[in-house]
Amino acid sequence: MGIFSRRTPASSSPAEPFELLVDTVFAVPTRGHVLTGTVTSGRVRTDQAAVLHLPTGEHAVTVTRIDVRRRKADVAEAGTEAAVYLGGLGRGALPVVPGGDGSLIDAEGVRGSRLVAAR
């Protein structure tokens, strides 16, 4: 790591299961649902199985894409802010608020949720 590097040192072992603390969620047409937040432990990789822990229950998902600093990445490590695209999340899995056609995602209801590696 160079003197001018912006990379944050990882605070955990790469072998440790990953956990992402969710900051916000939104939907991208043709891509699906996206979670943004900070990877608090381990490493998350594309095509990795995960479990999204929401107030409404647990949902099995797959990480289909990762963006770090607005660029596509194959992995995000502990200490990194990332956007994680999910596959396999059902239509009614995320909480919604009234508005538009009645299907606006309740980002506040998802904030603080955890995305963790599937066991």
C-alpha atoms as a PDB file:
ATOM      1  CA  MET A   1       0.000   0.000   0.000  1.00  0.00           C
ATOM      2  CA  GLY A   2       1.488   3.313  -1.108  1.00  0.00           C
ATOM      3  CA  ILE A   3       1.736   6.523   0.835  1.00  0.00           C
ATOM      4  CA  PHE A   4      -1.131   8.102  -1.141  1.00  0.00           C
ATOM      5  CA  SER A   5      -3.432   5.090  -1.048  1.00  0.00           C
ATOM      6  CA  ARG A   6      -7.010   5.648   0.105  1.00  0.00           C
ATOM      7  CA  ARG A   7      -7.528   2.028   0.966  1.00  0.00           C
ATOM      8  CA  THR A   8      -8.664   1.431   4.532  1.00  0.00           C
ATOM      9  CA  PRO A   9      -6.833  -1.341   6.342  1.00  0.00           C
ATOM     10  CA  ALA A  10      -8.991  -4.380   6.980  1.00  0.00           C
ATOM     11  CA  SER A  11      -9.877  -4.845  10.636  1.00  0.00           C
ATOM     12  CA  SER A  12     -10.571  -8.564  10.374  1.00  0.00           C
ATOM     13  CA  SER A  13      -9.237 -11.752   8.931  1.00  0.00           C
ATOM     14  CA  PRO A  14     -10.208 -12.523   5.303  1.00  0.00           C
ATOM     15  CA  ALA A  15     -11.295 -15.985   6.478  1.00  0.00           C
ATOM     16  CA  GLU A  16     -13.851 -14.409   8.830  1.00  0.00           C
ATOM     17  CA  PRO A  17     -17.457 -14.519   7.535  1.00  0.00           C
ATOM     18  CA  PHE A  18     -18.499 -11.215   6.031  1.00  0.00           C
ATOM     19  CA  GLU A  19     -21.057  -8.831   7.450  1.00  0.00           C
ATOM     20  CA  LEU A  20     -22.370  -5.650   5.834  1.00  0.00           C
ATOM     21  CA  LEU A  21     -24.224  -3.079   7.942  1.00  0.00           C
ATOM     22  CA  VAL A  22     -26.949  -1.609   5.712  1.00  0.00           C
ATOM     23  CA  ASP A  23     -27.208   2.156   5.338  1.00  0.00           C
ATOM     24  CA  THR A  24     -29.794   2.370   2.547  1.00  0.00           C
ATOM     25  CA  VAL A  25     -31.562   0.287  -0.074  1.00  0.00           C
ATOM     26  CA  PHE A  26     -32.997   1.076  -3.480  1.00  0.00           C
ATOM     27  CA  ALA A  27     -34.080  -0.654  -6.669  1.00  0.00           C
ATOM     28  CA  VAL A  28     -32.327  -0.311 -10.018  1.00  0.00           C
ATOM     29  CA  PRO A  29     -34.548  -1.188 -12.999  1.00  0.00           C
ATOM     30  CA  THR A  30     -33.358  -4.376 -14.731  1.00  0.00           C
ATOM     31  CA  ARG A  31     -30.691  -4.910 -12.015  1.00  0.00           C
ATOM     32  CA  GLY A  32     -32.726  -5.496  -8.868  1.00  0.00           C
ATOM     33  CA  HIS A  33     -32.243  -4.384  -5.294  1.00  0.00           C
ATOM     34  CA  VAL A  34     -29.080  -2.668  -4.098  1.00  0.00           C
ATOM     35  CA  LEU A  35     -27.872  -2.314  -0.518  1.00  0.00           C
ATOM     36  CA  THR A  36     -25.287   0.274   0.411  1.00  0.00           C
ATOM     37  CA  GLY A  37     -23.327   0.192   3.615  1.00  0.00           C
ATOM     38  CA  THR A  38     -20.060  -0.711   5.273  1.00  0.00           C
ATOM     39  CA  VAL A  39     -18.477  -4.149   5.317  1.00  0.00           C
ATOM     40  CA  THR A  40     -17.807  -4.569   9.042  1.00  0.00           C
ATOM     41  CA  SER A  41     -16.004  -7.923   8.890  1.00  0.00           C
ATOM     42  CA  GLY A  42     -14.570 -10.405   6.410  1.00  0.00           C
ATOM     43  CA  ARG A  43     -14.849 -10.140   2.623  1.00  0.00           C
ATOM     44  CA  VAL A  44     -17.873 -10.232   0.356  1.00  0.00           C
ATOM     45  CA  ARG A  45     -17.488 -11.594  -3.196  1.00  0.00           C
ATOM     46  CA  THR A  46     -19.710 -11.663  -6.248  1.00  0.00           C
ATOM     47  CA  ASP A  47     -21.827 -14.837  -6.612  1.00  0.00           C
ATOM     48  CA  GLN A  48     -21.625 -15.407  -2.858  1.00  0.00           C
ATOM     49  CA  ALA A  49     -24.637 -16.752  -0.964  1.00  0.00           C
ATOM     50  CA  ALA A  50     -25.802 -14.512   1.866  1.00  0.00           C
ATOM     51  CA  VAL A  51     -28.631 -13.926   4.322  1.00  0.00           C
ATOM     52  CA  LEU A  52     -30.322 -10.543   4.675  1.00  0.00           C
ATOM     53  CA  HIS A  53     -31.564 -10.015   8.244  1.00  0.00           C
ATOM     54  CA  LEU A  54     -34.536  -7.619   8.153  1.00  0.00           C
ATOM     55  CA  PRO A  55     -37.022  -6.698  10.893  1.00  0.00           C
ATOM     56  CA  THR A  56     -39.565  -8.800   8.949  1.00  0.00           C
ATOM     57  CA  GLY A  57     -37.344 -11.909   8.907  1.00  0.00           C
ATOM     58  CA  GLU A  58     -34.377 -13.532   7.174  1.00  0.00           C
ATOM     59  CA  HIS A  59     -34.084 -13.806   3.386  1.00  0.00           C
ATOM     60  CA  ALA A  60     -31.624 -15.983   1.452  1.00  0.00           C
ATOM     61  CA  VAL A  61     -30.007 -13.970  -1.374  1.00  0.00           C
ATOM     62  CA  THR A  62     -27.052 -14.036  -3.740  1.00  0.00           C
ATOM     63  CA  VAL A  63     -24.586 -11.177  -4.238  1.00  0.00           C
ATOM     64  CA  THR A  64     -24.717 -10.544  -7.987  1.00  0.00           C
ATOM     65  CA  ARG A  65     -22.512  -7.440  -8.199  1.00  0.00           C
ATOM     66  CA  ILE A  66     -20.375  -5.218  -5.975  1.00  0.00           C
ATOM     67  CA  ASP A  67     -19.493  -1.563  -6.517  1.00  0.00           C
ATOM     68  CA  VAL A  68     -16.770   0.152  -4.505  1.00  0.00           C
ATOM     69  CA  ARG A  69     -16.279   3.893  -4.991  1.00  0.00           C
ATOM     70  CA  ARG A  70     -18.799   3.757  -7.871  1.00  0.00           C
ATOM     71  CA  ARG A  71     -16.753   1.162  -9.746  1.00  0.00           C
ATOM     72  CA  LYS A  72     -17.439  -2.514 -10.275  1.00  0.00           C
ATOM     73  CA  ALA A  73     -15.386  -4.767  -7.994  1.00  0.00           C
ATOM     74  CA  ASP A  74     -15.075  -8.503  -7.426  1.00  0.00           C
ATOM     75  CA  VAL A  75     -14.621  -8.176  -3.664  1.00  0.00           C
ATOM     76  CA  ALA A  76     -15.175  -5.707  -0.815  1.00  0.00           C
ATOM     77  CA  GLU A  77     -13.210  -6.076   2.427  1.00  0.00           C
ATOM     78  CA  ALA A  78     -13.841  -5.024   6.013  1.00  0.00           C
ATOM     79  CA  GLY A  79     -13.799  -1.251   6.415  1.00  0.00           C
ATOM     80  CA  THR A  80     -14.982  -0.640   2.843  1.00  0.00           C
ATOM     81  CA  GLU A  81     -18.150   1.216   1.902  1.00  0.00           C
ATOM     82  CA  ALA A  82     -19.837  -0.730  -0.877  1.00  0.00           C
ATOM     83  CA  ALA A  83     -22.994  -1.129  -2.934  1.00  0.00           C
ATOM     84  CA  VAL A  84     -24.108  -4.750  -3.129  1.00  0.00           C
ATOM     85  CA  TYR A  85     -26.609  -5.907  -5.758  1.00  0.00           C
ATOM     86  CA  LEU A  86     -28.796  -8.806  -4.641  1.00  0.00           C
ATOM     87  CA  GLY A  87     -30.466 -11.625  -6.510  1.00  0.00           C
ATOM     88  CA  GLY A  88     -33.234 -13.804  -5.105  1.00  0.00           C
ATOM     89  CA  LEU A  89     -34.937 -11.165  -2.980  1.00  0.00           C
ATOM     90  CA  GLY A  90     -38.690 -11.582  -3.351  1.00  0.00           C
ATOM     91  CA  ARG A  91     -41.005  -8.730  -4.267  1.00  0.00           C
ATOM     92  CA  GLY A  92     -42.624  -8.455  -0.838  1.00  0.00           C
ATOM     93  CA  ALA A  93     -39.433  -8.958   1.193  1.00  0.00           C
ATOM     94  CA  LEU A  94     -38.610  -5.283   1.741  1.00  0.00           C
ATOM     95  CA  PRO A  95     -40.857  -2.968   3.749  1.00  0.00           C
ATOM     96  CA  VAL A  96     -42.718  -0.339   1.714  1.00  0.00           C
ATOM     97  CA  VAL A  97     -44.294   3.061   2.426  1.00  0.00           C
ATOM     98  CA  PRO A  98     -47.337   4.666   0.806  1.00  0.00           C
ATOM     99  CA  GLY A  99     -46.614   6.682  -2.297  1.00  0.00           C
ATOM    100  CA  GLY A 100     -46.672   6.444  -6.053  1.00  0.00           C
ATOM    101  CA  ASP A 101     -48.075   3.001  -6.821  1.00  0.00           C
ATOM    102  CA  GLY A 102     -47.712   1.939  -3.172  1.00  0.00           C
ATOM    103  CA  SER A 103     -44.396   0.203  -3.609  1.00  0.00           C
ATOM    104  CA  LEU A 104     -41.770   2.716  -2.493  1.00  0.00           C
ATOM    105  CA  ILE A 105     -39.089   0.945  -0.467  1.00  0.00           C
ATOM    106  CA  ASP A 106     -38.906   2.080   3.176  1.00  0.00           C
ATOM    107  CA  ALA A 107     -35.168   2.842   3.381  1.00  0.00           C
ATOM    108  CA  GLU A 108     -35.484   3.891   7.030  1.00  0.00           C
ATOM    109  CA  GLY A 109     -37.047   0.527   7.860  1.00  0.00           C
ATOM    110  CA  VAL A 110     -34.025  -1.273   6.389  1.00  0.00           C
ATOM    111  CA  ARG A 111     -31.257   0.960   7.833  1.00  0.00           C
ATOM    112  CA  GLY A 112     -29.191  -0.931  10.390  1.00  0.00           C
ATOM    113  CA  SER A 113     -30.101  -4.359   8.996  1.00  0.00           C
ATOM    114  CA  ARG A 114     -27.318  -6.850   8.340  1.00  0.00           C
ATOM    115  CA  LEU A 115     -26.274  -8.828   5.283  1.00  0.00           C
ATOM    116  CA  VAL A 116     -24.147 -11.787   6.352  1.00  0.00           C
ATOM    117  CA  ALA A 117     -22.464 -14.749   4.712  1.00  0.00           C
ATOM    118  CA  ALA A 118     -24.682 -17.833   4.410  1.00  0.00           C
ATOM    119  CA  ARG A 119     -23.531 -20.705   6.586  1.00  0.00           C
END
